[in-house]
C-alpha atoms as a PDB file:
ATOM      1  CA  UNK A   1     222.826 -19.198 106.572  1.00  0.00           C
ATOM      2  CA  UNK A   2     221.257 -16.106 108.187  1.00  0.00           C
ATOM      3  CA  UNK A   3     217.852 -14.989 106.999  1.00  0.00           C
ATOM      4  CA  UNK A   4     217.305 -11.554 105.495  1.00  0.00           C
ATOM      5  CA  UNK A   5     213.542 -11.442 105.991  1.00  0.00           C
ATOM      6  CA  UNK A   6     212.388 -11.504 109.614  1.00  0.00           C
ATOM      7  CA  UNK A   7     208.998 -13.228 109.468  1.00  0.00           C
ATOM      8  CA  UNK A   8     207.297 -13.733 112.855  1.00  0.00           C
ATOM      9  CA  UNK A   9     207.210 -17.137 114.518  1.00  0.00           C
ATOM     10  CA  UNK A  10     204.179 -19.346 113.985  1.00  0.00           C
ATOM     11  CA  UNK A  11     202.296 -20.761 111.026  1.00  0.00           C
ATOM     12  CA  UNK A  12     200.167 -17.665 110.341  1.00  0.00           C
ATOM     13  CA  UNK A  13     200.046 -13.926 110.954  1.00  0.00           C
ATOM     14  CA  UNK A  14     197.010 -11.632 111.014  1.00  0.00           C
ATOM     15  CA  UNK A  15     197.043  -8.703 108.576  1.00  0.00           C
ATOM     16  CA  UNK A  16     194.409  -6.187 107.462  1.00  0.00           C
ATOM     17  CA  UNK A  17     193.303  -5.986 103.846  1.00  0.00           C
ATOM     18  CA  UNK A  18     194.614  -2.656 102.492  1.00  0.00           C
ATOM     19  CA  UNK A  19     191.319  -2.070 100.678  1.00  0.00           C
ATOM     20  CA  UNK A  20     188.521  -2.993 103.107  1.00  0.00           C
ATOM     21  CA  UNK A  21     190.334  -3.558 106.416  1.00  0.00           C
ATOM     22  CA  UNK A  22     189.120  -7.145 106.894  1.00  0.00           C
ATOM     23  CA  UNK A  23     191.591  -9.178 108.928  1.00  0.00           C
ATOM     24  CA  UNK A  24     193.174 -12.167 107.170  1.00  0.00           C
ATOM     25  CA  UNK A  25     195.192 -14.901 108.827  1.00  0.00           C
ATOM     26  CA  UNK A  26     197.841 -15.513 106.194  1.00  0.00           C
ATOM     27  CA  UNK A  27     200.035 -18.618 106.097  1.00  0.00           C
ATOM     28  CA  UNK A  28     203.696 -17.650 106.536  1.00  0.00           C
ATOM     29  CA  UNK A  29     205.454 -20.909 107.343  1.00  0.00           C
ATOM     30  CA  UNK A  30     206.657 -21.513 103.758  1.00  0.00           C
ATOM     31  CA  UNK A  31     207.730 -17.926 103.075  1.00  0.00           C
ATOM     32  CA  UNK A  32     209.708 -17.885 106.338  1.00  0.00           C
ATOM     33  CA  UNK A  33     211.402 -21.225 105.565  1.00  0.00           C
ATOM     34  CA  UNK A  34     212.324 -20.032 102.048  1.00  0.00           C
ATOM     35  CA  UNK A  35     213.310 -16.548 103.309  1.00  0.00           C
ATOM     36  CA  UNK A  36     211.014 -14.821 100.827  1.00  0.00           C
ATOM     37  CA  UNK A  37     210.536 -11.023 101.008  1.00  0.00           C
ATOM     38  CA  UNK A  38     206.745 -11.015 100.490  1.00  0.00           C
ATOM     39  CA  UNK A  39     203.711 -13.252 100.517  1.00  0.00           C
ATOM     40  CA  UNK A  40     200.699 -12.795  98.178  1.00  0.00           C
ATOM     41  CA  UNK A  41     197.250 -12.851  99.788  1.00  0.00           C
ATOM     42  CA  UNK A  42     193.618 -12.545  98.732  1.00  0.00           C
ATOM     43  CA  UNK A  43     190.796 -10.885 100.653  1.00  0.00           C
ATOM     44  CA  UNK A  44     187.639 -12.971 100.662  1.00  0.00           C
ATOM     45  CA  UNK A  45     185.557  -9.978 101.764  1.00  0.00           C
ATOM     46  CA  UNK A  46     186.298  -7.625  98.837  1.00  0.00           C
ATOM     47  CA  UNK A  47     188.287  -9.833  96.390  1.00  0.00           C
ATOM     48  CA  UNK A  48     191.362  -7.602  96.573  1.00  0.00           C
ATOM     49  CA  UNK A  49     194.822  -9.062  96.044  1.00  0.00           C
ATOM     50  CA  UNK A  50     197.717  -7.745  98.089  1.00  0.00           C
ATOM     51  CA  UNK A  51     201.256  -8.478  99.196  1.00  0.00           C
ATOM     52  CA  UNK A  52     202.237  -9.033 102.833  1.00  0.00           C
ATOM     53  CA  UNK A  53     205.674  -8.026 104.147  1.00  0.00           C
ATOM     54  CA  UNK A  54     207.413  -9.695 107.107  1.00  0.00           C
ATOM     55  CA  UNK A  55     206.687  -6.655 109.302  1.00  0.00           C
ATOM     56  CA  UNK A  56     202.940  -6.897 108.585  1.00  0.00           C
ATOM     57  CA  UNK A  57     202.735  -4.083 106.025  1.00  0.00           C
ATOM     58  CA  UNK A  58     200.406  -4.724 103.115  1.00  0.00           C
ATOM     59  CA  UNK A  59     200.425  -3.347  99.566  1.00  0.00           C
ATOM     60  CA  UNK A  60     197.374  -3.510  97.329  1.00  0.00           C
ATOM     61  CA  UNK A  61     198.059  -5.300  94.045  1.00  0.00           C
ATOM     62  CA  UNK A  62     194.556  -5.509  92.580  1.00  0.00           C
ATOM     63  CA  UNK A  63     191.144  -4.360  93.650  1.00  0.00           C
ATOM     64  CA  UNK A  64     188.156  -5.616  91.720  1.00  0.00           C
ATOM     65  CA  UNK A  65     186.608  -2.912  89.605  1.00  0.00           C
ATOM     66  CA  UNK A  66     188.945  -0.085  90.592  1.00  0.00           C
ATOM     67  CA  UNK A  67     190.992   2.039  88.230  1.00  0.00           C
ATOM     68  CA  UNK A  68     191.085   2.146  84.461  1.00  0.00           C
ATOM     69  CA  UNK A  69     192.118  -0.920  82.430  1.00  0.00           C
ATOM     70  CA  UNK A  70     195.492   0.767  81.883  1.00  0.00           C
ATOM     71  CA  UNK A  71     195.998   1.264  85.644  1.00  0.00           C
ATOM     72  CA  UNK A  72     195.083  -2.358  86.371  1.00  0.00           C
ATOM     73  CA  UNK A  73     197.481  -3.543  83.622  1.00  0.00           C
ATOM     74  CA  UNK A  74     200.292  -1.456  85.133  1.00  0.00           C
ATOM     75  CA  UNK A  75     199.751  -3.156  88.503  1.00  0.00           C
ATOM     76  CA  UNK A  76     199.899  -6.605  86.893  1.00  0.00           C
ATOM     77  CA  UNK A  77     203.184  -5.686  85.167  1.00  0.00           C
ATOM     78  CA  UNK A  78     204.605  -4.615  88.532  1.00  0.00           C
ATOM     79  CA  UNK A  79     204.085  -8.131  89.938  1.00  0.00           C
ATOM     80  CA  UNK A  80     204.841 -10.566  87.096  1.00  0.00           C
ATOM     81  CA  UNK A  81     205.879 -13.436  89.389  1.00  0.00           C
ATOM     82  CA  UNK A  82     203.731 -16.436  90.224  1.00  0.00           C
ATOM     83  CA  UNK A  83     203.669 -17.647  93.819  1.00  0.00           C
ATOM     84  CA  UNK A  84     204.351 -21.387  94.013  1.00  0.00           C
ATOM     85  CA  UNK A  85     204.836 -22.637  97.582  1.00  0.00           C
ATOM     86  CA  UNK A  86     205.601 -26.135  96.169  1.00  0.00           C
END
């Protein structure tokens, strides 16, 4: 069965945090094997949460202390899934 999401080869890929720019080596082996479209990641430097796409793009999901409570709630509603790599 052909894959739809073209994750790079290897166990990890390096991506910048969309909030602070710190580089994270994110584990991609499971998301590639399961052909998932995104991979959640946390930044240990600024505590942001973001999604990683197969092409290396990142999208901020939550940044500690930013936005109003309503804005933060809207972000949580946008990503209701729970990542469970098994």
